[in-house]
Amino acid sequence: MLSLSIIVATVVDHGVAAAMRTVIPDGHGLGSLLLITLMAAVLANLVNNLPAVLVMLPLVAASGPTAVLAVLIGVNVGPNLTVRGLPGHPAVAPDRRLPRS
């Protein structure tokens, strides 16, 4: 867990935060919150839920609790909406049943 935090902090410090600040909206309207949720869902599909939260929460924390909630919803719901994100989906998980004898 500590090493993941160090890796995410290093990546964020070397340009990811600056790039994401330019595209993350800072408004409180429905459109801004939906865009934050969509960005969190895409990021959670590209990396994983925890790194996505570690990257996005510091960037949206100043926008208030609704933006933080939008990030949390995005990283939790987003991977479940894609085949790649479903761990129990047959296209992702191998068939682990024992062969019949």
N, C-alpha and C. Protein backbone atom coordinates (compact mmCIF):
# COMPACT_ATOMS: atom_id res chain seq x y z
N MET A 1 0.82 -1.18 0.00
CA MET A 1 0.00 0.00 0.00
C MET A 1 0.87 1.25 0.00
N LEU A 2 1.93 1.23 0.79
CA LEU A 2 2.82 2.37 0.84
C LEU A 2 3.51 2.58 -0.50
N SER A 3 3.94 1.51 -1.13
CA SER A 3 4.62 1.65 -2.42
C SER A 3 3.67 2.19 -3.49
N LEU A 4 2.41 1.79 -3.46
CA LEU A 4 1.43 2.32 -4.41
C LEU A 4 1.25 3.81 -4.20
N SER A 5 1.18 4.24 -2.96
CA SER A 5 1.06 5.67 -2.68
C SER A 5 2.27 6.45 -3.15
N ILE A 6 3.45 5.88 -3.00
CA ILE A 6 4.68 6.55 -3.45
C ILE A 6 4.70 6.66 -4.97
N ILE A 7 4.31 5.59 -5.65
CA ILE A 7 4.28 5.61 -7.11
C ILE A 7 3.27 6.61 -7.62
N VAL A 8 2.08 6.63 -7.05
CA VAL A 8 1.05 7.58 -7.48
C VAL A 8 1.50 9.01 -7.20
N ALA A 9 2.09 9.26 -6.04
CA ALA A 9 2.57 10.61 -5.72
C ALA A 9 3.65 11.06 -6.69
N THR A 10 4.53 10.15 -7.08
CA THR A 10 5.59 10.48 -8.03
C THR A 10 5.00 10.81 -9.40
N VAL A 11 4.07 10.00 -9.85
CA VAL A 11 3.44 10.25 -11.15
C VAL A 11 2.68 11.56 -11.15
N VAL A 12 1.96 11.83 -10.08
CA VAL A 12 1.19 13.08 -9.97
C VAL A 12 2.14 14.28 -9.95
N ASP A 13 3.25 14.18 -9.23
CA ASP A 13 4.19 15.28 -9.13
C ASP A 13 4.92 15.57 -10.45
N HIS A 14 4.95 14.59 -11.33
CA HIS A 14 5.69 14.76 -12.59
C HIS A 14 4.77 15.01 -13.79
N GLY A 15 3.67 15.70 -13.58
CA GLY A 15 2.90 16.18 -14.71
C GLY A 15 1.46 15.75 -14.81
N VAL A 16 1.08 14.67 -14.18
CA VAL A 16 -0.30 14.20 -14.30
C VAL A 16 -1.27 15.18 -13.65
N ALA A 17 -0.91 15.71 -12.51
CA ALA A 17 -1.80 16.65 -11.82
C ALA A 17 -1.99 17.92 -12.64
N ALA A 18 -0.92 18.42 -13.21
CA ALA A 18 -1.02 19.64 -14.02
C ALA A 18 -1.89 19.40 -15.25
N ALA A 19 -1.73 18.25 -15.87
CA ALA A 19 -2.54 17.94 -17.06
C ALA A 19 -4.01 17.75 -16.70
N MET A 20 -4.26 17.11 -15.57
CA MET A 20 -5.66 16.87 -15.19
C MET A 20 -6.34 18.14 -14.68
N ARG A 21 -5.58 19.06 -14.09
CA ARG A 21 -6.18 20.32 -13.64
C ARG A 21 -6.76 21.12 -14.80
N THR A 22 -6.18 20.95 -15.98
CA THR A 22 -6.67 21.71 -17.13
C THR A 22 -7.99 21.17 -17.66
N VAL A 23 -8.31 19.91 -17.38
CA VAL A 23 -9.54 19.32 -17.93
C VAL A 23 -10.61 19.06 -16.88
N ILE A 24 -10.26 19.03 -15.61
CA ILE A 24 -11.27 18.79 -14.56
C ILE A 24 -12.03 20.09 -14.32
N PRO A 25 -13.35 20.05 -14.45
CA PRO A 25 -14.12 21.27 -14.19
C PRO A 25 -14.15 21.60 -12.71
N ASP A 26 -14.31 22.88 -12.41
CA ASP A 26 -14.36 23.29 -11.00
C ASP A 26 -15.72 23.83 -10.60
N GLY A 27 -16.71 23.63 -11.44
CA GLY A 27 -18.05 24.10 -11.13
C GLY A 27 -18.81 23.15 -10.24
N HIS A 28 -20.00 23.59 -9.81
CA HIS A 28 -20.84 22.79 -8.93
C HIS A 28 -22.12 22.34 -9.63
N GLY A 29 -22.24 22.63 -10.92
CA GLY A 29 -23.44 22.28 -11.64
C GLY A 29 -23.48 20.80 -12.00
N LEU A 30 -24.62 20.38 -12.49
CA LEU A 30 -24.81 18.98 -12.85
C LEU A 30 -23.85 18.54 -13.95
N GLY A 31 -23.64 19.40 -14.93
CA GLY A 31 -22.73 19.06 -16.03
C GLY A 31 -21.30 18.85 -15.54
N SER A 32 -20.85 19.71 -14.64
CA SER A 32 -19.50 19.58 -14.09
C SER A 32 -19.36 18.29 -13.28
N LEU A 33 -20.37 18.00 -12.48
CA LEU A 33 -20.30 16.78 -11.66
C LEU A 33 -20.35 15.52 -12.52
N LEU A 34 -21.15 15.55 -13.58
CA LEU A 34 -21.20 14.39 -14.48
C LEU A 34 -19.87 14.21 -15.21
N LEU A 35 -19.23 15.31 -15.58
CA LEU A 35 -17.93 15.22 -16.24
C LEU A 35 -16.87 14.68 -15.29
N ILE A 36 -16.90 15.11 -14.03
CA ILE A 36 -15.97 14.58 -13.04
C ILE A 36 -16.20 13.09 -12.84
N THR A 37 -17.47 12.68 -12.77
CA THR A 37 -17.79 11.26 -12.62
C THR A 37 -17.30 10.46 -13.81
N LEU A 38 -17.51 10.98 -15.01
CA LEU A 38 -17.05 10.29 -16.23
C LEU A 38 -15.53 10.18 -16.26
N MET A 39 -14.85 11.24 -15.90
CA MET A 39 -13.39 11.20 -15.87
C MET A 39 -12.87 10.20 -14.84
N ALA A 40 -13.51 10.14 -13.69
CA ALA A 40 -13.10 9.18 -12.67
C ALA A 40 -13.36 7.75 -13.14
N ALA A 41 -14.47 7.53 -13.84
CA ALA A 41 -14.77 6.19 -14.35
C ALA A 41 -13.75 5.77 -15.41
N VAL A 42 -13.39 6.66 -16.30
CA VAL A 42 -12.40 6.34 -17.33
C VAL A 42 -11.04 6.07 -16.69
N LEU A 43 -10.65 6.91 -15.74
CA LEU A 43 -9.37 6.71 -15.08
C LEU A 43 -9.34 5.40 -14.29
N ALA A 44 -10.44 5.06 -13.66
CA ALA A 44 -10.50 3.79 -12.91
C ALA A 44 -10.41 2.59 -13.84
N ASN A 45 -10.88 2.75 -15.09
CA ASN A 45 -10.73 1.67 -16.06
C ASN A 45 -9.32 1.59 -16.61
N LEU A 46 -8.65 2.72 -16.73
CA LEU A 46 -7.29 2.72 -17.25
C LEU A 46 -6.28 2.19 -16.23
N VAL A 47 -6.44 2.63 -15.00
CA VAL A 47 -5.54 2.15 -13.95
C VAL A 47 -6.36 1.26 -13.03
N ASN A 48 -6.55 1.62 -11.82
CA ASN A 48 -7.36 0.86 -10.88
C ASN A 48 -8.12 1.88 -10.02
N ASN A 49 -9.02 1.40 -9.20
CA ASN A 49 -9.84 2.31 -8.40
C ASN A 49 -9.01 3.14 -7.42
N LEU A 50 -8.13 2.50 -6.67
CA LEU A 50 -7.38 3.21 -5.65
C LEU A 50 -6.44 4.25 -6.24
N PRO A 51 -5.64 3.94 -7.27
CA PRO A 51 -4.82 5.01 -7.85
C PRO A 51 -5.66 6.14 -8.45
N ALA A 52 -6.81 5.81 -9.02
CA ALA A 52 -7.68 6.85 -9.57
C ALA A 52 -8.16 7.78 -8.47
N VAL A 53 -8.52 7.23 -7.32
CA VAL A 53 -8.95 8.06 -6.19
C VAL A 53 -7.79 8.90 -5.68
N LEU A 54 -6.61 8.29 -5.56
CA LEU A 54 -5.44 9.02 -5.06
C LEU A 54 -5.04 10.16 -5.98
N VAL A 55 -5.29 10.02 -7.27
CA VAL A 55 -4.96 11.08 -8.22
C VAL A 55 -6.03 12.17 -8.22
N MET A 56 -7.30 11.78 -8.23
CA MET A 56 -8.36 12.75 -8.44
C MET A 56 -8.83 13.49 -7.19
N LEU A 57 -8.83 12.85 -6.05
CA LEU A 57 -9.37 13.51 -4.85
C LEU A 57 -8.65 14.81 -4.49
N PRO A 58 -7.33 14.86 -4.51
CA PRO A 58 -6.70 16.15 -4.20
C PRO A 58 -7.04 17.26 -5.20
N LEU A 59 -7.34 16.87 -6.43
CA LEU A 59 -7.64 17.85 -7.47
C LEU A 59 -9.05 18.41 -7.35
N VAL A 60 -9.98 17.64 -6.81
CA VAL A 60 -11.38 18.10 -6.73
C VAL A 60 -11.79 18.47 -5.31
N ALA A 61 -10.93 18.27 -4.34
CA ALA A 61 -11.31 18.52 -2.94
C ALA A 61 -11.70 19.98 -2.71
N ALA A 62 -11.07 20.90 -3.42
CA ALA A 62 -11.40 22.31 -3.22
C ALA A 62 -12.78 22.66 -3.76
N SER A 63 -13.32 21.83 -4.64
CA SER A 63 -14.65 22.08 -5.20
C SER A 63 -15.77 21.69 -4.26
N GLY A 64 -15.45 20.99 -3.19
CA GLY A 64 -16.46 20.66 -2.20
C GLY A 64 -16.81 19.19 -2.16
N PRO A 65 -17.71 18.84 -1.24
CA PRO A 65 -18.04 17.43 -1.03
C PRO A 65 -18.81 16.81 -2.19
N THR A 66 -19.53 17.59 -2.96
CA THR A 66 -20.26 16.99 -4.09
C THR A 66 -19.30 16.52 -5.18
N ALA A 67 -18.21 17.24 -5.39
CA ALA A 67 -17.21 16.82 -6.36
C ALA A 67 -16.48 15.57 -5.88
N VAL A 68 -16.21 15.50 -4.58
CA VAL A 68 -15.58 14.31 -4.01
C VAL A 68 -16.51 13.10 -4.18
N LEU A 69 -17.79 13.31 -3.92
CA LEU A 69 -18.75 12.23 -4.10
C LEU A 69 -18.84 11.81 -5.56
N ALA A 70 -18.73 12.74 -6.48
CA ALA A 70 -18.75 12.41 -7.91
C ALA A 70 -17.56 11.53 -8.28
N VAL A 71 -16.39 11.82 -7.70
CA VAL A 71 -15.21 10.98 -7.95
C VAL A 71 -15.43 9.58 -7.40
N LEU A 72 -15.94 9.50 -6.18
CA LEU A 72 -16.16 8.19 -5.56
C LEU A 72 -17.19 7.37 -6.32
N ILE A 73 -18.22 8.00 -6.81
CA ILE A 73 -19.22 7.29 -7.62
C ILE A 73 -18.60 6.83 -8.92
N GLY A 74 -17.82 7.69 -9.55
CA GLY A 74 -17.20 7.34 -10.83
C GLY A 74 -16.25 6.17 -10.74
N VAL A 75 -15.40 6.15 -9.70
CA VAL A 75 -14.43 5.05 -9.60
C VAL A 75 -15.08 3.75 -9.17
N ASN A 76 -16.25 3.81 -8.58
CA ASN A 76 -16.92 2.58 -8.17
C ASN A 76 -17.88 2.05 -9.21
N VAL A 77 -18.56 2.93 -9.91
CA VAL A 77 -19.53 2.49 -10.90
C VAL A 77 -18.89 2.27 -12.27
N GLY A 78 -17.92 3.10 -12.61
CA GLY A 78 -17.31 3.05 -13.93
C GLY A 78 -16.77 1.70 -14.35
N PRO A 79 -15.94 1.04 -13.54
CA PRO A 79 -15.42 -0.26 -13.96
C PRO A 79 -16.51 -1.33 -14.11
N ASN A 80 -17.62 -1.17 -13.44
CA ASN A 80 -18.70 -2.15 -13.57
C ASN A 80 -19.49 -1.97 -14.85
N LEU A 81 -19.30 -0.87 -15.54
CA LEU A 81 -20.04 -0.63 -16.78
C LEU A 81 -19.30 -1.14 -18.02
N THR A 82 -18.09 -1.62 -17.84
CA THR A 82 -17.33 -2.13 -18.98
C THR A 82 -17.01 -3.61 -18.76
N VAL A 83 -16.79 -4.30 -19.87
CA VAL A 83 -16.46 -5.72 -19.79
C VAL A 83 -15.09 -5.90 -19.13
N ARG A 84 -14.16 -4.99 -19.42
CA ARG A 84 -12.82 -5.09 -18.85
C ARG A 84 -12.86 -4.96 -17.33
N GLY A 85 -13.80 -4.21 -16.80
CA GLY A 85 -13.83 -3.96 -15.38
C GLY A 85 -14.58 -4.99 -14.57
N LEU A 86 -15.25 -5.92 -15.21
CA LEU A 86 -16.02 -6.92 -14.48
C LEU A 86 -15.16 -8.16 -14.23
N PRO A 87 -14.72 -8.38 -12.99
CA PRO A 87 -13.84 -9.51 -12.73
C PRO A 87 -14.51 -10.87 -12.91
N GLY A 88 -15.80 -10.95 -12.79
CA GLY A 88 -16.47 -12.23 -12.93
C GLY A 88 -17.00 -12.50 -14.34
N HIS A 89 -16.77 -11.58 -15.24
CA HIS A 89 -17.27 -11.74 -16.61
C HIS A 89 -16.47 -12.81 -17.33
N PRO A 90 -17.13 -13.68 -18.11
CA PRO A 90 -16.42 -14.77 -18.78
C PRO A 90 -15.33 -14.29 -19.75
N ALA A 91 -15.48 -13.10 -20.30
CA ALA A 91 -14.46 -12.60 -21.21
C ALA A 91 -13.20 -12.17 -20.47
N VAL A 92 -13.33 -11.93 -19.18
CA VAL A 92 -12.20 -11.44 -18.38
C VAL A 92 -11.63 -12.55 -17.51
N ALA A 93 -12.47 -13.22 -16.77
CA ALA A 93 -12.02 -14.25 -15.83
C ALA A 93 -12.04 -15.62 -16.51
N PRO A 94 -10.99 -16.39 -16.31
CA PRO A 94 -11.00 -17.74 -16.89
C PRO A 94 -12.00 -18.64 -16.16
N ASP A 95 -12.40 -19.69 -16.83
CA ASP A 95 -13.31 -20.65 -16.24
C ASP A 95 -12.53 -21.47 -15.22
N ARG A 96 -12.91 -21.38 -13.96
CA ARG A 96 -12.15 -22.03 -12.89
C ARG A 96 -12.84 -23.26 -12.34
N ARG A 97 -13.79 -23.78 -13.08
CA ARG A 97 -14.44 -25.01 -12.60
C ARG A 97 -13.49 -26.19 -12.77
N LEU A 98 -13.62 -27.12 -11.88
CA LEU A 98 -12.78 -28.33 -11.96
C LEU A 98 -13.29 -29.21 -13.10
N PRO A 99 -12.38 -29.83 -13.81
CA PRO A 99 -12.82 -30.74 -14.89
C PRO A 99 -13.53 -31.96 -14.30
N ARG A 100 -14.51 -32.45 -15.03
CA ARG A 100 -15.23 -33.65 -14.59
C ARG A 100 -14.40 -34.88 -14.89
N SER A 101 -14.43 -35.82 -13.96
CA SER A 101 -13.66 -37.04 -14.18
C SER A 101 -14.53 -38.22 -14.44
